[in-house]
Amino acid sequence: MTGFTADWVIATLDGAEGENWRECADVLYCTLPCPPAEAWLLAGLVLRRYPGCVLALVPRVDGGCVVRVRGGLTAGAAAAATDGAGPVR
């Protein structure tokens, strides 16, 4: 999916969009999950390869997600409990 709002251009890394969309995107995300270490590495490589990108998101195979922001902030989100029994860490 590629789209834009009034302020952001969003594109997928592994979608059918052309490289032109990825080069001007503010937010890039991957749809295919990766192992945690690879997801962290891929998100960093995305920020390095696409200097206009400020937010990179890569899902992990364990159900979590790696989020890296230009400027150094890195977050890892665990998968949410499907039964509602516990908090999301």
N, C-alpha and C. Protein backbone atom coordinates (compact mmCIF):
# COMPACT_ATOMS: atom_id res chain seq x y z
N MET A 1 0.83 -1.17 0.00
CA MET A 1 0.00 0.00 0.00
C MET A 1 0.88 1.24 0.00
N THR A 2 0.54 2.16 -0.82
CA THR A 2 1.19 3.46 -0.82
C THR A 2 0.11 4.48 -0.60
N GLY A 3 0.41 5.47 0.16
CA GLY A 3 -0.58 6.50 0.39
C GLY A 3 0.08 7.74 0.91
N PHE A 4 -0.73 8.76 1.04
CA PHE A 4 -0.22 9.97 1.64
C PHE A 4 -1.35 10.67 2.34
N THR A 5 -0.99 11.38 3.37
CA THR A 5 -1.94 12.23 4.07
C THR A 5 -1.49 13.65 3.80
N ALA A 6 -2.08 14.58 4.48
CA ALA A 6 -1.69 15.98 4.29
C ALA A 6 -0.22 16.20 4.64
N ASP A 7 0.32 15.36 5.53
CA ASP A 7 1.67 15.59 6.02
C ASP A 7 2.66 14.46 5.80
N TRP A 8 2.21 13.25 5.46
CA TRP A 8 3.10 12.09 5.40
C TRP A 8 2.92 11.31 4.11
N VAL A 9 4.02 10.78 3.58
CA VAL A 9 3.98 9.82 2.48
C VAL A 9 4.39 8.47 3.09
N ILE A 10 3.56 7.45 2.87
CA ILE A 10 3.76 6.13 3.46
C ILE A 10 3.87 5.10 2.34
N ALA A 11 4.87 4.22 2.42
CA ALA A 11 5.04 3.19 1.40
C ALA A 11 5.58 1.91 2.03
N THR A 12 5.33 0.78 1.36
CA THR A 12 5.86 -0.49 1.83
C THR A 12 7.22 -0.75 1.18
N LEU A 13 8.04 -1.49 1.89
CA LEU A 13 9.34 -1.87 1.35
C LEU A 13 9.23 -3.03 0.38
N ASP A 14 8.28 -3.91 0.62
CA ASP A 14 8.18 -5.14 -0.16
C ASP A 14 6.91 -5.19 -1.00
N GLY A 15 6.34 -4.05 -1.28
CA GLY A 15 5.12 -3.99 -2.08
C GLY A 15 5.42 -3.69 -3.54
N ALA A 16 4.38 -3.45 -4.27
CA ALA A 16 4.50 -3.23 -5.71
C ALA A 16 4.84 -1.79 -6.08
N GLU A 17 4.94 -0.92 -5.07
CA GLU A 17 5.26 0.48 -5.37
C GLU A 17 6.61 0.57 -6.05
N GLY A 18 6.79 1.59 -6.80
CA GLY A 18 8.09 1.81 -7.43
C GLY A 18 9.07 2.42 -6.45
N GLU A 19 10.32 2.38 -6.83
CA GLU A 19 11.38 2.95 -5.99
C GLU A 19 11.16 4.45 -5.76
N ASN A 20 10.53 5.12 -6.70
CA ASN A 20 10.26 6.55 -6.53
C ASN A 20 9.43 6.83 -5.29
N TRP A 21 8.42 5.99 -5.02
CA TRP A 21 7.60 6.17 -3.82
C TRP A 21 8.44 5.97 -2.56
N ARG A 22 9.28 4.93 -2.57
CA ARG A 22 10.11 4.67 -1.39
C ARG A 22 11.11 5.80 -1.16
N GLU A 23 11.64 6.37 -2.22
CA GLU A 23 12.62 7.44 -2.07
C GLU A 23 12.03 8.72 -1.51
N CYS A 24 10.74 8.93 -1.67
CA CYS A 24 10.15 10.16 -1.13
C CYS A 24 9.27 9.90 0.10
N ALA A 25 9.24 8.65 0.57
CA ALA A 25 8.39 8.31 1.71
C ALA A 25 8.96 8.83 3.03
N ASP A 26 8.06 9.28 3.88
CA ASP A 26 8.41 9.67 5.25
C ASP A 26 8.38 8.44 6.16
N VAL A 27 7.48 7.51 5.85
CA VAL A 27 7.30 6.29 6.64
C VAL A 27 7.40 5.10 5.70
N LEU A 28 8.27 4.15 6.04
CA LEU A 28 8.41 2.91 5.27
C LEU A 28 8.16 1.73 6.20
N TYR A 29 7.39 0.76 5.72
CA TYR A 29 7.15 -0.42 6.53
C TYR A 29 7.22 -1.67 5.67
N CYS A 30 7.58 -2.76 6.32
CA CYS A 30 7.69 -4.06 5.68
C CYS A 30 6.45 -4.87 6.06
N THR A 31 5.95 -5.69 5.15
CA THR A 31 4.79 -6.52 5.48
C THR A 31 5.19 -7.94 5.86
N LEU A 32 6.40 -8.36 5.52
CA LEU A 32 6.86 -9.71 5.83
C LEU A 32 7.64 -9.72 7.14
N PRO A 33 7.24 -10.56 8.10
CA PRO A 33 7.94 -10.62 9.38
C PRO A 33 9.35 -11.18 9.25
N CYS A 34 10.23 -10.71 10.11
CA CYS A 34 11.63 -11.16 10.17
C CYS A 34 11.94 -11.60 11.59
N PRO A 35 12.99 -12.42 11.77
CA PRO A 35 13.47 -12.70 13.12
C PRO A 35 13.85 -11.38 13.80
N PRO A 36 13.75 -11.28 15.13
CA PRO A 36 13.98 -10.01 15.83
C PRO A 36 15.28 -9.29 15.47
N ALA A 37 16.40 -10.00 15.43
CA ALA A 37 17.67 -9.34 15.12
C ALA A 37 17.69 -8.80 13.70
N GLU A 38 17.13 -9.56 12.77
CA GLU A 38 17.08 -9.11 11.38
C GLU A 38 16.12 -7.94 11.21
N ALA A 39 15.02 -7.95 11.95
CA ALA A 39 14.06 -6.84 11.87
C ALA A 39 14.72 -5.55 12.34
N TRP A 40 15.49 -5.64 13.44
CA TRP A 40 16.19 -4.46 13.96
C TRP A 40 17.19 -3.95 12.93
N LEU A 41 17.96 -4.87 12.34
CA LEU A 41 18.96 -4.50 11.34
C LEU A 41 18.30 -3.90 10.10
N LEU A 42 17.24 -4.52 9.61
CA LEU A 42 16.55 -4.02 8.42
C LEU A 42 16.00 -2.62 8.63
N ALA A 43 15.41 -2.37 9.78
CA ALA A 43 14.86 -1.03 10.05
C ALA A 43 15.98 0.01 10.03
N GLY A 44 17.14 -0.32 10.56
CA GLY A 44 18.28 0.60 10.52
C GLY A 44 18.79 0.82 9.11
N LEU A 45 18.85 -0.25 8.32
CA LEU A 45 19.30 -0.12 6.93
C LEU A 45 18.33 0.73 6.11
N VAL A 46 17.05 0.61 6.40
CA VAL A 46 16.05 1.43 5.70
C VAL A 46 16.31 2.91 5.95
N LEU A 47 16.55 3.27 7.21
CA LEU A 47 16.81 4.67 7.53
C LEU A 47 18.09 5.17 6.85
N ARG A 48 19.06 4.29 6.73
CA ARG A 48 20.31 4.68 6.08
C ARG A 48 20.14 4.81 4.57
N ARG A 49 19.40 3.90 3.96
CA ARG A 49 19.22 3.89 2.50
C ARG A 49 18.30 5.00 2.01
N TYR A 50 17.29 5.34 2.81
CA TYR A 50 16.29 6.33 2.40
C TYR A 50 16.37 7.53 3.35
N PRO A 51 17.18 8.54 3.02
CA PRO A 51 17.40 9.66 3.94
C PRO A 51 16.15 10.49 4.23
N GLY A 52 15.13 10.42 3.40
CA GLY A 52 13.90 11.15 3.67
C GLY A 52 12.96 10.43 4.62
N CYS A 53 13.25 9.17 4.88
CA CYS A 53 12.41 8.36 5.77
C CYS A 53 12.71 8.72 7.22
N VAL A 54 11.67 9.00 8.00
CA VAL A 54 11.86 9.32 9.41
C VAL A 54 11.40 8.20 10.33
N LEU A 55 10.64 7.24 9.79
CA LEU A 55 10.09 6.15 10.60
C LEU A 55 10.11 4.86 9.79
N ALA A 56 10.76 3.82 10.34
CA ALA A 56 10.82 2.51 9.68
C ALA A 56 10.22 1.47 10.61
N LEU A 57 9.32 0.66 10.08
CA LEU A 57 8.64 -0.37 10.87
C LEU A 57 8.83 -1.73 10.21
N VAL A 58 9.23 -2.73 11.01
CA VAL A 58 9.43 -4.08 10.50
C VAL A 58 8.81 -5.06 11.49
N PRO A 59 7.84 -5.87 11.04
CA PRO A 59 7.25 -6.86 11.95
C PRO A 59 8.23 -7.99 12.25
N ARG A 60 8.10 -8.56 13.45
CA ARG A 60 8.93 -9.69 13.85
C ARG A 60 8.13 -10.98 13.76
N VAL A 61 8.82 -12.09 13.57
CA VAL A 61 8.14 -13.38 13.47
C VAL A 61 7.46 -13.79 14.77
N ASP A 62 7.87 -13.20 15.89
CA ASP A 62 7.24 -13.54 17.17
C ASP A 62 5.98 -12.72 17.42
N GLY A 63 5.57 -11.94 16.44
CA GLY A 63 4.35 -11.14 16.57
C GLY A 63 4.59 -9.71 17.01
N GLY A 64 5.80 -9.39 17.40
CA GLY A 64 6.13 -8.02 17.79
C GLY A 64 6.49 -7.18 16.57
N CYS A 65 7.04 -6.02 16.83
CA CYS A 65 7.39 -5.10 15.75
C CYS A 65 8.57 -4.25 16.18
N VAL A 66 9.49 -3.99 15.26
CA VAL A 66 10.60 -3.07 15.50
C VAL A 66 10.25 -1.74 14.84
N VAL A 67 10.41 -0.67 15.60
CA VAL A 67 10.15 0.67 15.10
C VAL A 67 11.42 1.48 15.34
N ARG A 68 11.98 2.03 14.27
CA ARG A 68 13.16 2.88 14.41
C ARG A 68 12.86 4.23 13.80
N VAL A 69 13.32 5.26 14.50
CA VAL A 69 13.05 6.63 14.10
C VAL A 69 14.38 7.32 13.84
N ARG A 70 14.43 8.10 12.77
CA ARG A 70 15.65 8.86 12.48
C ARG A 70 15.97 9.74 13.69
N GLY A 71 17.20 9.71 14.12
CA GLY A 71 17.59 10.46 15.29
C GLY A 71 17.89 9.55 16.47
N GLY A 72 17.68 8.24 16.30
CA GLY A 72 18.14 7.31 17.30
C GLY A 72 17.12 6.58 18.13
N LEU A 73 15.88 6.99 18.19
CA LEU A 73 14.90 6.28 18.99
C LEU A 73 14.61 4.92 18.38
N THR A 74 14.67 3.88 19.19
CA THR A 74 14.35 2.53 18.75
C THR A 74 13.36 1.93 19.73
N ALA A 75 12.34 1.29 19.21
CA ALA A 75 11.36 0.65 20.08
C ALA A 75 11.08 -0.74 19.56
N GLY A 76 10.83 -1.64 20.47
CA GLY A 76 10.40 -2.98 20.11
C GLY A 76 9.09 -3.23 20.82
N ALA A 77 8.10 -3.64 20.10
CA ALA A 77 6.80 -3.90 20.71
C ALA A 77 6.54 -5.39 20.70
N ALA A 78 6.14 -5.91 21.83
CA ALA A 78 5.80 -7.32 21.92
C ALA A 78 4.41 -7.54 21.36
N ALA A 79 4.13 -8.76 21.02
CA ALA A 79 2.79 -9.10 20.54
C ALA A 79 1.79 -8.94 21.66
N ALA A 80 0.61 -8.47 21.34
CA ALA A 80 -0.45 -8.31 22.33
C ALA A 80 -1.03 -9.67 22.68
N ALA A 81 -1.40 -9.83 23.93
CA ALA A 81 -2.04 -11.07 24.36
C ALA A 81 -3.42 -11.15 23.70
N THR A 82 -3.72 -12.26 23.06
CA THR A 82 -4.98 -12.38 22.35
C THR A 82 -6.16 -12.61 23.30
N ASP A 83 -5.88 -13.07 24.52
CA ASP A 83 -6.98 -13.31 25.45
C ASP A 83 -7.22 -12.13 26.38
N GLY A 84 -6.45 -11.06 26.21
CA GLY A 84 -6.62 -9.88 27.04
C GLY A 84 -6.11 -10.06 28.46
N ALA A 85 -5.37 -11.14 28.73
CA ALA A 85 -4.96 -11.46 30.09
C ALA A 85 -3.79 -10.63 30.59
N GLY A 86 -2.98 -10.10 29.70
CA GLY A 86 -1.79 -9.42 30.18
C GLY A 86 -1.52 -8.14 29.43
N PRO A 87 -0.65 -7.31 30.00
CA PRO A 87 -0.32 -6.05 29.34
C PRO A 87 0.61 -6.26 28.16
N VAL A 88 0.60 -5.33 27.25
CA VAL A 88 1.55 -5.34 26.15
C VAL A 88 2.82 -4.69 26.67
N ARG A 89 3.95 -5.35 26.48
CA ARG A 89 5.23 -4.82 26.97
C ARG A 89 5.98 -4.16 25.86
